[in-house]
């Protein structure tokens, strides 16, 4: 069973950058499509970015395109989310997710069956 552990969250000012990491345990982790989702207080969980197992294909929410970059290092079983030009509306708990079945970089949370515990990101104005 693959386990996911996020890190790298914190409190920053508007315009700053953060890089989130998601370390996956288990030999099969490098074969999974991975995604990042976020949930702000009082709001539903929403898609942020996803990347296929090989890293060849990525997908982004419109709200983060051009500011966030998802990448992965399969040798380290780690997925990253580089977040630049952070805005107050990016404030949320960020979750890493893995899709053990299916190869598409899906934007749908229900297609991901493994989740991390989340890491808090807060951007102050």
Protein backbone atom coordinates (compact mmCIF):
# COMPACT_ATOMS: atom_id res chain seq x y z
CA UNK A 1 0.00 0.00 0.00
CA UNK A 2 1.38 3.38 -1.02
CA UNK A 3 1.44 6.10 1.63
CA UNK A 4 1.75 9.81 0.85
CA UNK A 5 3.34 12.45 3.08
CA UNK A 6 3.22 16.14 2.16
CA UNK A 7 5.62 18.82 3.36
CA UNK A 8 6.67 22.36 2.54
CA UNK A 9 3.63 24.35 3.53
CA UNK A 10 3.81 27.56 5.51
CA UNK A 11 2.83 31.19 5.90
CA UNK A 12 4.10 33.58 3.23
CA UNK A 13 3.29 37.02 1.90
CA UNK A 14 1.49 37.76 -1.34
CA UNK A 15 3.85 37.31 -4.25
CA UNK A 16 6.14 34.86 -2.47
CA UNK A 17 6.89 31.29 -3.54
CA UNK A 18 6.66 27.88 -1.88
CA UNK A 19 7.49 24.38 -3.02
CA UNK A 20 5.40 21.52 -1.73
CA UNK A 21 6.71 17.97 -1.72
CA UNK A 22 4.85 14.69 -1.60
CA UNK A 23 6.91 11.66 -0.68
CA UNK A 24 5.37 8.33 -1.67
CA UNK A 25 6.32 5.07 -0.06
CA UNK A 26 6.04 1.77 -1.90
CA UNK A 27 7.73 0.40 -4.99
CA UNK A 28 4.73 0.98 -7.25
CA UNK A 29 4.40 4.69 -6.48
CA UNK A 30 6.36 5.71 -9.57
CA UNK A 31 3.69 4.09 -11.77
CA UNK A 32 0.84 6.20 -10.41
CA UNK A 33 -0.66 9.37 -11.78
CA UNK A 34 -0.33 12.00 -9.04
CA UNK A 35 -2.34 15.08 -8.27
CA UNK A 36 -2.54 18.06 -5.95
CA UNK A 37 -5.84 19.30 -4.58
CA UNK A 38 -6.65 22.01 -2.07
CA UNK A 39 -9.44 22.87 0.33
CA UNK A 40 -10.03 26.31 1.77
CA UNK A 41 -12.15 26.83 4.92
CA UNK A 42 -15.83 26.50 4.12
CA UNK A 43 -15.19 25.41 0.55
CA UNK A 44 -15.14 22.12 -1.30
CA UNK A 45 -11.91 20.41 -2.22
CA UNK A 46 -10.73 21.55 -5.64
CA UNK A 47 -8.27 20.34 -8.24
CA UNK A 48 -4.93 22.15 -8.55
CA UNK A 49 -2.59 20.09 -10.77
CA UNK A 50 -1.87 16.55 -11.92
CA UNK A 51 0.95 14.67 -13.63
CA UNK A 52 1.10 11.31 -15.35
CA UNK A 53 3.41 8.53 -14.18
CA UNK A 54 6.09 9.33 -16.75
CA UNK A 55 5.74 13.07 -16.24
CA UNK A 56 4.97 13.53 -19.91
CA UNK A 57 1.54 15.06 -19.37
CA UNK A 58 0.32 17.60 -16.84
CA UNK A 59 -2.94 19.38 -16.12
CA UNK A 60 -3.66 22.57 -14.19
CA UNK A 61 -6.63 24.43 -12.82
CA UNK A 62 -7.18 27.72 -14.65
CA UNK A 63 -6.66 29.61 -11.41
CA UNK A 64 -3.04 28.44 -11.08
CA UNK A 65 -1.90 28.18 -14.71
CA UNK A 66 1.30 30.12 -15.28
CA UNK A 67 2.02 30.34 -11.54
CA UNK A 68 2.19 26.72 -10.34
CA UNK A 69 4.27 23.88 -11.77
CA UNK A 70 3.88 20.20 -10.95
CA UNK A 71 6.82 17.85 -11.42
CA UNK A 72 8.04 14.50 -10.19
CA UNK A 73 11.25 12.63 -9.52
CA UNK A 74 10.47 8.93 -9.81
CA UNK A 75 13.92 7.96 -8.55
CA UNK A 76 13.00 9.67 -5.27
CA UNK A 77 9.29 8.72 -5.39
CA UNK A 78 8.50 12.39 -4.88
CA UNK A 79 6.08 14.81 -6.52
CA UNK A 80 6.51 18.56 -6.25
CA UNK A 81 4.29 21.58 -6.59
CA UNK A 82 6.21 24.79 -7.19
CA UNK A 83 3.95 27.71 -6.33
CA UNK A 84 4.98 31.18 -7.45
CA UNK A 85 3.25 34.55 -7.15
CA UNK A 86 1.08 33.30 -4.32
CA UNK A 87 -2.18 35.11 -3.66
CA UNK A 88 -4.43 35.21 -0.58
CA UNK A 89 -6.96 33.09 -2.49
CA UNK A 90 -4.36 30.29 -2.68
CA UNK A 91 -4.68 29.87 1.09
CA UNK A 92 -5.85 26.31 1.77
CA UNK A 93 -4.82 22.89 2.96
CA UNK A 94 -3.04 21.21 0.06
CA UNK A 95 -3.42 17.47 -0.43
CA UNK A 96 -1.34 15.09 -2.48
CA UNK A 97 -3.23 12.26 -4.15
CA UNK A 98 -2.36 9.15 -6.14
CA UNK A 99 -4.37 7.36 -8.76
CA UNK A 100 -3.59 3.65 -8.67
CA UNK A 101 -5.91 2.87 -11.61
CA UNK A 102 -6.00 4.87 -14.81
CA UNK A 103 -3.28 6.79 -16.57
CA UNK A 104 -4.89 10.15 -17.34
CA UNK A 105 -3.90 13.24 -15.36
CA UNK A 106 -7.44 13.51 -14.07
CA UNK A 107 -8.93 16.63 -12.52
CA UNK A 108 -11.60 14.63 -10.66
CA UNK A 109 -10.88 13.94 -6.99
CA UNK A 110 -12.99 10.75 -6.96
CA UNK A 111 -10.59 9.14 -9.42
CA UNK A 112 -7.79 9.32 -6.87
CA UNK A 113 -7.84 6.59 -4.24
CA UNK A 114 -4.81 7.43 -2.10
CA UNK A 115 -4.47 10.68 -0.15
CA UNK A 116 -1.96 12.37 2.10
CA UNK A 117 -2.77 14.16 5.33
CA UNK A 118 -2.42 17.64 3.87
CA UNK A 119 -0.17 20.63 4.45
CA UNK A 120 -1.32 24.17 5.21
CA UNK A 121 -0.46 27.03 2.87
CA UNK A 122 -1.35 30.59 3.81
CA UNK A 123 -0.59 33.71 1.78
CA UNK A 124 -1.22 36.96 3.60
CA UNK A 125 -2.08 40.21 1.85
